[in-house]
Amino acid sequence: MTGLRWARRALHATAIALFVLMVGLVLAQVVARKFFEPLVWSEELARYVFIWVAFLGWVVASERRSHIAITQFSERTGPRLQQVLGWLGDLGTLVLMIWLFWFGLKLVANNRDVETVTLFFNYAVVYAILPVAALAIAALTLARLRERVHQRAFASGGRDPGESLL
C-alpha cells in the first residue's frame, strides 16, 4: 500500500471513528440525563470531538474536491481564464493554509497550560486540529498545483502527466 493511500485510509477511518464517538457521546448524555445521573464530561468531550470531526471533514472534502463552489462565472469563461482562476484559487488556498497553520501553532502554544473544565487534558489538544488540517489541505493544494503544472507541460508537448517523474 502506498503512503498516500495509507494516509487517505487513516484520515477517513479517523473521521468515521470520531463521528461515531461523537454520536455515541451525545446519545449517552441524553440517556443518562433522562434515566440516570447526567454525565457532566460527555457534553464537553462531544463538543471537542465535533470540532475535530468538522476539520477532518474539511480535509476529506478538499481531498475529494467536493466543496460547494459557485461556478456560474468561471464556467462561462474560456479555458485559458478557467486555468488562471484555478491557479488563483489554489494559490489563495495555499496562502490561507499557511496563515491557518501559523495561527494554529500559536493557538496551541497559548493553550498548553489551560485545562478543560471537566476532562483530563488541556485545550492545546482541542486546537491541535488547526495546524494538522492546514498542513493536510496545504499538501493537497500543492499536489493539485503540481497536477496543473504537469497538465500544462503535457498540453504544450511535454511529458504525459501520468508518467513517473523519476
N, C-alpha and C. Protein backbone atom coordinates (compact mmCIF):
# COMPACT_ATOMS: atom_id res chain seq x y z
N MET A 1 0.85 -1.17 0.00
CA MET A 1 0.00 0.00 0.00
C MET A 1 0.90 1.24 0.00
N THR A 2 0.63 2.15 -0.89
CA THR A 2 1.44 3.36 -0.96
C THR A 2 1.17 4.25 0.24
N GLY A 3 2.09 5.15 0.49
CA GLY A 3 1.95 6.06 1.63
C GLY A 3 0.73 6.95 1.51
N LEU A 4 0.45 7.42 0.28
CA LEU A 4 -0.71 8.29 0.08
C LEU A 4 -2.01 7.54 0.32
N ARG A 5 -2.09 6.33 -0.16
CA ARG A 5 -3.30 5.53 0.05
C ARG A 5 -3.49 5.23 1.53
N TRP A 6 -2.39 4.93 2.22
CA TRP A 6 -2.46 4.67 3.66
C TRP A 6 -2.94 5.92 4.40
N ALA A 7 -2.40 7.09 4.04
CA ALA A 7 -2.79 8.34 4.70
C ALA A 7 -4.27 8.64 4.46
N ARG A 8 -4.73 8.40 3.24
CA ARG A 8 -6.15 8.63 2.92
C ARG A 8 -7.04 7.71 3.75
N ARG A 9 -6.67 6.44 3.84
CA ARG A 9 -7.48 5.50 4.63
C ARG A 9 -7.45 5.86 6.11
N ALA A 10 -6.30 6.26 6.61
CA ALA A 10 -6.19 6.66 8.02
C ALA A 10 -7.04 7.89 8.30
N LEU A 11 -7.03 8.85 7.37
CA LEU A 11 -7.84 10.06 7.51
C LEU A 11 -9.32 9.70 7.57
N HIS A 12 -9.77 8.89 6.62
CA HIS A 12 -11.19 8.52 6.58
C HIS A 12 -11.59 7.70 7.80
N ALA A 13 -10.74 6.77 8.21
CA ALA A 13 -11.05 5.93 9.38
C ALA A 13 -11.11 6.78 10.64
N THR A 14 -10.20 7.73 10.78
CA THR A 14 -10.21 8.61 11.95
C THR A 14 -11.46 9.47 11.97
N ALA A 15 -11.83 10.03 10.82
CA ALA A 15 -13.03 10.87 10.75
C ALA A 15 -14.28 10.05 11.10
N ILE A 16 -14.36 8.85 10.59
CA ILE A 16 -15.52 7.99 10.86
C ILE A 16 -15.56 7.61 12.34
N ALA A 17 -14.42 7.21 12.89
CA ALA A 17 -14.37 6.81 14.30
C ALA A 17 -14.75 7.97 15.22
N LEU A 18 -14.25 9.17 14.93
CA LEU A 18 -14.59 10.32 15.76
C LEU A 18 -16.06 10.70 15.62
N PHE A 19 -16.61 10.56 14.42
CA PHE A 19 -18.04 10.84 14.23
C PHE A 19 -18.90 9.86 15.03
N VAL A 20 -18.55 8.58 14.98
CA VAL A 20 -19.28 7.58 15.76
C VAL A 20 -19.14 7.86 17.25
N LEU A 21 -17.95 8.23 17.69
CA LEU A 21 -17.73 8.59 19.09
C LEU A 21 -18.60 9.77 19.49
N MET A 22 -18.66 10.79 18.64
CA MET A 22 -19.46 11.98 18.93
C MET A 22 -20.93 11.62 19.08
N VAL A 23 -21.46 10.84 18.13
CA VAL A 23 -22.86 10.42 18.21
C VAL A 23 -23.10 9.59 19.46
N GLY A 24 -22.18 8.69 19.77
CA GLY A 24 -22.31 7.87 20.97
C GLY A 24 -22.29 8.70 22.24
N LEU A 25 -21.43 9.70 22.29
CA LEU A 25 -21.37 10.58 23.47
C LEU A 25 -22.67 11.35 23.66
N VAL A 26 -23.20 11.89 22.57
CA VAL A 26 -24.45 12.64 22.67
C VAL A 26 -25.59 11.72 23.08
N LEU A 27 -25.65 10.54 22.51
CA LEU A 27 -26.69 9.57 22.87
C LEU A 27 -26.57 9.17 24.34
N ALA A 28 -25.35 8.90 24.79
CA ALA A 28 -25.14 8.53 26.19
C ALA A 28 -25.54 9.68 27.12
N GLN A 29 -25.27 10.88 26.70
CA GLN A 29 -25.62 12.06 27.50
C GLN A 29 -27.15 12.17 27.64
N VAL A 30 -27.86 11.98 26.55
CA VAL A 30 -29.32 12.07 26.58
C VAL A 30 -29.91 10.97 27.46
N VAL A 31 -29.45 9.76 27.27
CA VAL A 31 -29.97 8.62 28.05
C VAL A 31 -29.64 8.81 29.53
N ALA A 32 -28.41 9.23 29.83
CA ALA A 32 -28.01 9.42 31.23
C ALA A 32 -28.82 10.53 31.90
N ARG A 33 -29.09 11.60 31.20
CA ARG A 33 -29.90 12.68 31.78
C ARG A 33 -31.33 12.26 32.03
N LYS A 34 -31.86 11.44 31.16
CA LYS A 34 -33.26 11.03 31.28
C LYS A 34 -33.45 9.97 32.36
N PHE A 35 -32.55 9.00 32.43
CA PHE A 35 -32.78 7.85 33.30
C PHE A 35 -31.81 7.74 34.48
N PHE A 36 -30.66 8.39 34.41
CA PHE A 36 -29.64 8.25 35.45
C PHE A 36 -29.12 9.63 35.84
N GLU A 37 -27.94 9.64 36.40
CA GLU A 37 -27.26 10.89 36.69
C GLU A 37 -26.60 11.40 35.41
N PRO A 38 -26.64 12.71 35.17
CA PRO A 38 -26.03 13.22 33.93
C PRO A 38 -24.52 13.01 33.92
N LEU A 39 -24.00 12.75 32.75
CA LEU A 39 -22.55 12.63 32.55
C LEU A 39 -22.02 14.02 32.26
N VAL A 40 -21.46 14.67 33.25
CA VAL A 40 -21.07 16.08 33.09
C VAL A 40 -19.96 16.24 32.06
N TRP A 41 -19.13 15.24 31.88
CA TRP A 41 -17.99 15.34 30.98
C TRP A 41 -18.37 15.05 29.52
N SER A 42 -19.50 14.37 29.28
CA SER A 42 -19.81 13.92 27.92
C SER A 42 -20.14 15.07 26.97
N GLU A 43 -20.79 16.10 27.47
CA GLU A 43 -21.14 17.23 26.61
C GLU A 43 -19.88 17.97 26.16
N GLU A 44 -18.96 18.16 27.09
CA GLU A 44 -17.72 18.86 26.74
C GLU A 44 -16.88 18.04 25.75
N LEU A 45 -16.75 16.75 26.01
CA LEU A 45 -15.98 15.91 25.09
C LEU A 45 -16.65 15.83 23.72
N ALA A 46 -17.98 15.74 23.67
CA ALA A 46 -18.68 15.71 22.39
C ALA A 46 -18.42 17.00 21.61
N ARG A 47 -18.38 18.12 22.31
CA ARG A 47 -18.10 19.40 21.65
C ARG A 47 -16.71 19.42 21.03
N TYR A 48 -15.72 18.92 21.75
CA TYR A 48 -14.35 18.91 21.24
C TYR A 48 -14.19 17.90 20.10
N VAL A 49 -14.84 16.77 20.21
CA VAL A 49 -14.81 15.78 19.13
C VAL A 49 -15.48 16.35 17.88
N PHE A 50 -16.56 17.12 18.07
CA PHE A 50 -17.23 17.75 16.94
C PHE A 50 -16.29 18.70 16.20
N ILE A 51 -15.49 19.43 16.93
CA ILE A 51 -14.52 20.34 16.30
C ILE A 51 -13.55 19.55 15.42
N TRP A 52 -13.04 18.44 15.97
CA TRP A 52 -12.13 17.60 15.20
C TRP A 52 -12.82 17.00 13.98
N VAL A 53 -14.06 16.54 14.14
CA VAL A 53 -14.81 15.96 13.02
C VAL A 53 -15.01 17.01 11.93
N ALA A 54 -15.34 18.23 12.32
CA ALA A 54 -15.57 19.29 11.33
C ALA A 54 -14.30 19.57 10.52
N PHE A 55 -13.17 19.66 11.19
CA PHE A 55 -11.93 19.95 10.47
C PHE A 55 -11.48 18.76 9.63
N LEU A 56 -11.64 17.55 10.15
CA LEU A 56 -11.30 16.38 9.33
C LEU A 56 -12.24 16.28 8.13
N GLY A 57 -13.51 16.64 8.31
CA GLY A 57 -14.44 16.67 7.19
C GLY A 57 -14.01 17.68 6.14
N TRP A 58 -13.44 18.81 6.58
CA TRP A 58 -12.92 19.81 5.66
C TRP A 58 -11.78 19.22 4.83
N VAL A 59 -10.90 18.47 5.48
CA VAL A 59 -9.78 17.84 4.77
C VAL A 59 -10.30 16.80 3.77
N VAL A 60 -11.26 15.97 4.20
CA VAL A 60 -11.83 14.95 3.31
C VAL A 60 -12.50 15.62 2.11
N ALA A 61 -13.27 16.68 2.35
CA ALA A 61 -13.93 17.38 1.25
C ALA A 61 -12.91 18.02 0.31
N SER A 62 -11.82 18.52 0.85
CA SER A 62 -10.77 19.09 -0.01
C SER A 62 -10.11 18.01 -0.84
N GLU A 63 -9.89 16.87 -0.22
CA GLU A 63 -9.26 15.75 -0.94
C GLU A 63 -10.15 15.25 -2.07
N ARG A 64 -11.45 15.21 -1.82
CA ARG A 64 -12.40 14.74 -2.83
C ARG A 64 -12.84 15.85 -3.79
N ARG A 65 -12.43 17.07 -3.51
CA ARG A 65 -12.84 18.24 -4.30
C ARG A 65 -14.36 18.36 -4.34
N SER A 66 -14.98 18.19 -3.18
CA SER A 66 -16.44 18.19 -3.12
C SER A 66 -17.01 19.39 -2.36
N HIS A 67 -16.23 20.43 -2.16
CA HIS A 67 -16.76 21.63 -1.53
C HIS A 67 -17.75 22.31 -2.46
N ILE A 68 -18.66 23.03 -1.88
CA ILE A 68 -19.60 23.81 -2.67
C ILE A 68 -18.82 24.90 -3.39
N ALA A 69 -19.09 25.06 -4.66
CA ALA A 69 -18.40 26.08 -5.45
C ALA A 69 -19.42 26.83 -6.29
N ILE A 70 -19.24 28.13 -6.36
CA ILE A 70 -20.09 28.94 -7.22
C ILE A 70 -19.32 29.10 -8.53
N THR A 71 -19.77 28.39 -9.54
CA THR A 71 -19.03 28.31 -10.80
C THR A 71 -19.76 29.00 -11.96
N GLN A 72 -20.77 29.76 -11.64
CA GLN A 72 -21.55 30.40 -12.69
C GLN A 72 -20.68 31.27 -13.59
N PHE A 73 -19.75 32.01 -13.01
CA PHE A 73 -18.88 32.87 -13.79
C PHE A 73 -17.80 32.07 -14.51
N SER A 74 -17.11 31.21 -13.76
CA SER A 74 -15.95 30.53 -14.34
C SER A 74 -16.34 29.56 -15.45
N GLU A 75 -17.51 28.95 -15.37
CA GLU A 75 -17.93 28.03 -16.42
C GLU A 75 -18.27 28.74 -17.73
N ARG A 76 -18.51 30.02 -17.66
CA ARG A 76 -18.86 30.79 -18.87
C ARG A 76 -17.64 31.46 -19.50
N THR A 77 -16.48 31.25 -18.90
CA THR A 77 -15.26 31.83 -19.48
C THR A 77 -14.57 30.78 -20.35
N GLY A 78 -13.55 31.23 -21.02
CA GLY A 78 -12.79 30.32 -21.87
C GLY A 78 -11.86 29.44 -21.05
N PRO A 79 -11.28 28.43 -21.69
CA PRO A 79 -10.40 27.50 -20.96
C PRO A 79 -9.17 28.19 -20.36
N ARG A 80 -8.65 29.18 -21.03
CA ARG A 80 -7.46 29.88 -20.53
C ARG A 80 -7.77 30.62 -19.22
N LEU A 81 -8.88 31.35 -19.20
CA LEU A 81 -9.27 32.07 -17.98
C LEU A 81 -9.66 31.10 -16.87
N GLN A 82 -10.24 29.96 -17.23
CA GLN A 82 -10.55 28.94 -16.23
C GLN A 82 -9.27 28.43 -15.57
N GLN A 83 -8.22 28.26 -16.36
CA GLN A 83 -6.93 27.83 -15.81
C GLN A 83 -6.38 28.89 -14.85
N VAL A 84 -6.45 30.15 -15.27
CA VAL A 84 -5.95 31.25 -14.43
C VAL A 84 -6.74 31.30 -13.12
N LEU A 85 -8.06 31.18 -13.20
CA LEU A 85 -8.89 31.20 -11.99
C LEU A 85 -8.58 30.00 -11.09
N GLY A 86 -8.32 28.85 -11.69
CA GLY A 86 -7.93 27.67 -10.91
C GLY A 86 -6.62 27.89 -10.18
N TRP A 87 -5.64 28.46 -10.88
CA TRP A 87 -4.35 28.77 -10.26
C TRP A 87 -4.53 29.76 -9.11
N LEU A 88 -5.31 30.82 -9.35
CA LEU A 88 -5.53 31.83 -8.31
C LEU A 88 -6.24 31.23 -7.10
N GLY A 89 -7.22 30.38 -7.35
CA GLY A 89 -7.92 29.73 -6.24
C GLY A 89 -7.00 28.85 -5.43
N ASP A 90 -6.17 28.07 -6.10
CA ASP A 90 -5.23 27.20 -5.39
C ASP A 90 -4.17 28.01 -4.64
N LEU A 91 -3.66 29.06 -5.25
CA LEU A 91 -2.67 29.89 -4.56
C LEU A 91 -3.29 30.60 -3.36
N GLY A 92 -4.54 31.07 -3.51
CA GLY A 92 -5.24 31.68 -2.38
C GLY A 92 -5.45 30.68 -1.25
N THR A 93 -5.80 29.46 -1.61
CA THR A 93 -5.96 28.40 -0.60
C THR A 93 -4.64 28.14 0.11
N LEU A 94 -3.57 28.09 -0.63
CA LEU A 94 -2.25 27.85 -0.04
C LEU A 94 -1.87 28.97 0.93
N VAL A 95 -2.12 30.21 0.56
CA VAL A 95 -1.82 31.34 1.46
C VAL A 95 -2.67 31.24 2.72
N LEU A 96 -3.95 30.92 2.57
CA LEU A 96 -4.83 30.76 3.73
C LEU A 96 -4.35 29.63 4.64
N MET A 97 -3.90 28.53 4.06
CA MET A 97 -3.44 27.39 4.88
C MET A 97 -2.14 27.71 5.60
N ILE A 98 -1.26 28.48 4.97
CA ILE A 98 -0.03 28.90 5.65
C ILE A 98 -0.39 29.77 6.86
N TRP A 99 -1.31 30.70 6.66
CA TRP A 99 -1.74 31.55 7.76
C TRP A 99 -2.42 30.73 8.85
N LEU A 100 -3.29 29.80 8.48
CA LEU A 100 -4.01 28.98 9.45
C LEU A 100 -3.03 28.07 10.21
N PHE A 101 -2.03 27.56 9.54
CA PHE A 101 -1.01 26.74 10.20
C PHE A 101 -0.27 27.56 11.25
N TRP A 102 0.17 28.75 10.87
CA TRP A 102 0.89 29.63 11.79
C TRP A 102 0.00 30.03 12.96
N PHE A 103 -1.23 30.44 12.67
CA PHE A 103 -2.18 30.84 13.71
C PHE A 103 -2.51 29.65 14.61
N GLY A 104 -2.68 28.47 14.02
CA GLY A 104 -2.98 27.27 14.79
C GLY A 104 -1.86 26.91 15.75
N LEU A 105 -0.61 27.03 15.29
CA LEU A 105 0.53 26.76 16.17
C LEU A 105 0.56 27.73 17.35
N LYS A 106 0.26 29.00 17.07
CA LYS A 106 0.20 29.99 18.15
C LYS A 106 -0.92 29.67 19.13
N LEU A 107 -2.06 29.27 18.62
CA LEU A 107 -3.20 28.93 19.46
C LEU A 107 -2.90 27.72 20.34
N VAL A 108 -2.25 26.71 19.76
CA VAL A 108 -1.86 25.53 20.54
C VAL A 108 -0.88 25.93 21.64
N ALA A 109 0.12 26.72 21.29
CA ALA A 109 1.13 27.14 22.27
C ALA A 109 0.50 27.96 23.40
N ASN A 110 -0.43 28.84 23.05
CA ASN A 110 -1.07 29.69 24.06
C ASN A 110 -1.98 28.92 25.00
N ASN A 111 -2.43 27.74 24.60
CA ASN A 111 -3.40 26.99 25.40
C ASN A 111 -2.84 25.72 26.01
N ARG A 112 -1.53 25.59 26.03
CA ARG A 112 -0.92 24.41 26.64
C ARG A 112 -1.17 24.32 28.13
N ASP A 113 -1.31 25.45 28.78
CA ASP A 113 -1.48 25.47 30.23
C ASP A 113 -2.94 25.65 30.65
N VAL A 114 -3.86 25.72 29.71
CA VAL A 114 -5.27 25.94 30.04
C VAL A 114 -5.98 24.59 30.04
N GLU A 115 -6.43 24.18 31.20
CA GLU A 115 -7.09 22.88 31.33
C GLU A 115 -8.57 22.98 30.93
N THR A 116 -9.10 21.90 30.39
CA THR A 116 -10.53 21.84 30.10
C THR A 116 -11.29 21.78 31.42
N VAL A 117 -12.58 22.06 31.38
CA VAL A 117 -13.37 22.17 32.60
C VAL A 117 -13.54 20.82 33.29
N THR A 118 -13.96 19.79 32.56
CA THR A 118 -14.27 18.51 33.19
C THR A 118 -13.39 17.35 32.75
N LEU A 119 -12.49 17.60 31.82
CA LEU A 119 -11.70 16.50 31.25
C LEU A 119 -10.26 16.55 31.73
N PHE A 120 -9.48 15.59 31.33
CA PHE A 120 -8.12 15.40 31.85
C PHE A 120 -7.03 15.97 30.94
N PHE A 121 -7.37 16.76 29.95
CA PHE A 121 -6.36 17.30 29.05
C PHE A 121 -6.54 18.80 28.89
N ASN A 122 -5.56 19.44 28.24
CA ASN A 122 -5.63 20.89 28.08
C ASN A 122 -6.18 21.25 26.69
N TYR A 123 -6.47 22.52 26.52
CA TYR A 123 -7.07 22.99 25.28
C TYR A 123 -6.15 22.88 24.06
N ALA A 124 -4.87 22.71 24.28
CA ALA A 124 -3.95 22.54 23.15
C ALA A 124 -4.34 21.32 22.33
N VAL A 125 -4.87 20.28 22.97
CA VAL A 125 -5.31 19.08 22.26
C VAL A 125 -6.49 19.43 21.35
N VAL A 126 -7.39 20.26 21.83
CA VAL A 126 -8.56 20.66 21.03
C VAL A 126 -8.10 21.47 19.82
N TYR A 127 -7.20 22.42 20.05
CA TYR A 127 -6.78 23.32 18.97
C TYR A 127 -5.73 22.71 18.05
N ALA A 128 -5.20 21.56 18.38
CA ALA A 128 -4.17 20.93 17.55
C ALA A 128 -4.67 20.58 16.16
N ILE A 129 -5.98 20.46 16.00
CA ILE A 129 -6.53 20.14 14.68
C ILE A 129 -6.31 21.28 13.68
N LEU A 130 -6.18 22.51 14.14
CA LEU A 130 -5.97 23.64 13.22
C LEU A 130 -4.70 23.48 12.38
N PRO A 131 -3.52 23.34 13.00
CA PRO A 131 -2.34 23.16 12.16
C PRO A 131 -2.33 21.83 11.41
N VAL A 132 -2.93 20.80 11.99
CA VAL A 132 -2.99 19.50 11.30
C VAL A 132 -3.81 19.62 10.02
N ALA A 133 -5.00 20.21 10.12
CA ALA A 133 -5.86 20.37 8.94
C ALA A 133 -5.21 21.31 7.92
N ALA A 134 -4.62 22.39 8.39
CA ALA A 134 -3.96 23.33 7.48
C ALA A 134 -2.83 22.66 6.72
N LEU A 135 -2.05 21.85 7.41
CA LEU A 135 -0.95 21.14 6.76
C LEU A 135 -1.48 20.14 5.73
N ALA A 136 -2.53 19.42 6.08
CA ALA A 136 -3.10 18.44 5.15
C ALA A 136 -3.68 19.11 3.92
N ILE A 137 -4.42 20.20 4.11
CA ILE A 137 -5.02 20.88 2.96
C ILE A 137 -3.94 21.57 2.12
N ALA A 138 -2.90 22.09 2.77
CA ALA A 138 -1.79 22.68 2.01
C ALA A 138 -1.11 21.61 1.16
N ALA A 139 -0.92 20.42 1.71
CA ALA A 139 -0.31 19.33 0.93
C ALA A 139 -1.20 18.95 -0.25
N LEU A 140 -2.51 18.87 -0.02
CA LEU A 140 -3.44 18.56 -1.11
C LEU A 140 -3.41 19.65 -2.18
N THR A 141 -3.34 20.90 -1.75
CA THR A 141 -3.30 22.02 -2.70
C THR A 141 -2.00 22.03 -3.49
N LEU A 142 -0.89 21.72 -2.83
CA LEU A 142 0.38 21.63 -3.55
C LEU A 142 0.34 20.50 -4.58
N ALA A 143 -0.29 19.39 -4.22
CA ALA A 143 -0.43 18.29 -5.18
C ALA A 143 -1.29 18.73 -6.37
N ARG A 144 -2.34 19.49 -6.10
CA ARG A 144 -3.20 19.99 -7.18
C ARG A 144 -2.43 20.96 -8.07
N LEU A 145 -1.60 21.82 -7.47
CA LEU A 145 -0.77 22.74 -8.26
C LEU A 145 0.23 21.96 -9.10
N ARG A 146 0.79 20.91 -8.53
CA ARG A 146 1.71 20.05 -9.29
C ARG A 146 1.01 19.43 -10.49
N GLU A 147 -0.23 18.98 -10.28
CA GLU A 147 -1.02 18.44 -11.40
C GLU A 147 -1.22 19.49 -12.48
N ARG A 148 -1.49 20.73 -12.06
CA ARG A 148 -1.70 21.80 -13.04
C ARG A 148 -0.43 22.05 -13.85
N VAL A 149 0.72 22.01 -13.20
CA VAL A 149 1.99 22.22 -13.89
C VAL A 149 2.21 21.11 -14.91
N HIS A 150 1.94 19.86 -14.50
CA HIS A 150 2.15 18.72 -15.39
C HIS A 150 1.14 18.72 -16.54
N GLN A 151 -0.08 19.14 -16.27
CA GLN A 151 -1.07 19.22 -17.35
C GLN A 151 -0.67 20.28 -18.35
N ARG A 152 -0.14 21.38 -17.85
CA ARG A 152 0.28 22.46 -18.75
C ARG A 152 1.48 22.02 -19.58
N ALA A 153 2.42 21.31 -18.95
CA ALA A 153 3.60 20.82 -19.68
C ALA A 153 3.18 19.81 -20.73
N PHE A 154 2.24 18.95 -20.41
CA PHE A 154 1.77 17.94 -21.35
C PHE A 154 1.02 18.60 -22.50
N ALA A 155 0.22 19.63 -22.18
CA ALA A 155 -0.55 20.32 -23.21
C ALA A 155 0.37 21.04 -24.20
N SER A 156 1.55 21.44 -23.75
CA SER A 156 2.48 22.12 -24.64
C SER A 156 3.51 21.17 -25.24
N GLY A 157 3.21 19.87 -25.23
CA GLY A 157 4.08 18.91 -25.89
C GLY A 157 5.09 18.25 -24.98
N GLY A 158 4.92 18.40 -23.70
CA GLY A 158 5.86 17.81 -22.74
C GLY A 158 5.49 16.38 -22.40
N ARG A 159 5.86 15.99 -21.23
CA ARG A 159 5.68 14.63 -20.74
C ARG A 159 4.22 14.37 -20.38
N ASP A 160 3.80 13.12 -20.46
CA ASP A 160 2.46 12.67 -20.06
C ASP A 160 2.31 12.87 -18.55
N PRO A 161 1.20 13.52 -18.08
CA PRO A 161 1.02 13.74 -16.65
C PRO A 161 1.00 12.45 -15.83
N GLY A 162 0.63 11.33 -16.43
CA GLY A 162 0.60 10.07 -15.72
C GLY A 162 1.94 9.41 -15.64
N GLU A 163 2.92 9.92 -16.37
CA GLU A 163 4.25 9.34 -16.42
C GLU A 163 5.02 9.64 -15.14
N SER A 164 5.87 8.72 -14.72
CA SER A 164 6.65 8.90 -13.49
C SER A 164 7.64 10.05 -13.67
N LEU A 165 7.84 10.77 -12.59
CA LEU A 165 8.79 11.90 -12.65
C LEU A 165 10.22 11.46 -12.43
N LEU A 166 10.42 10.21 -12.03
CA LEU A 166 11.79 9.76 -11.75
C LEU A 166 12.47 9.23 -12.98
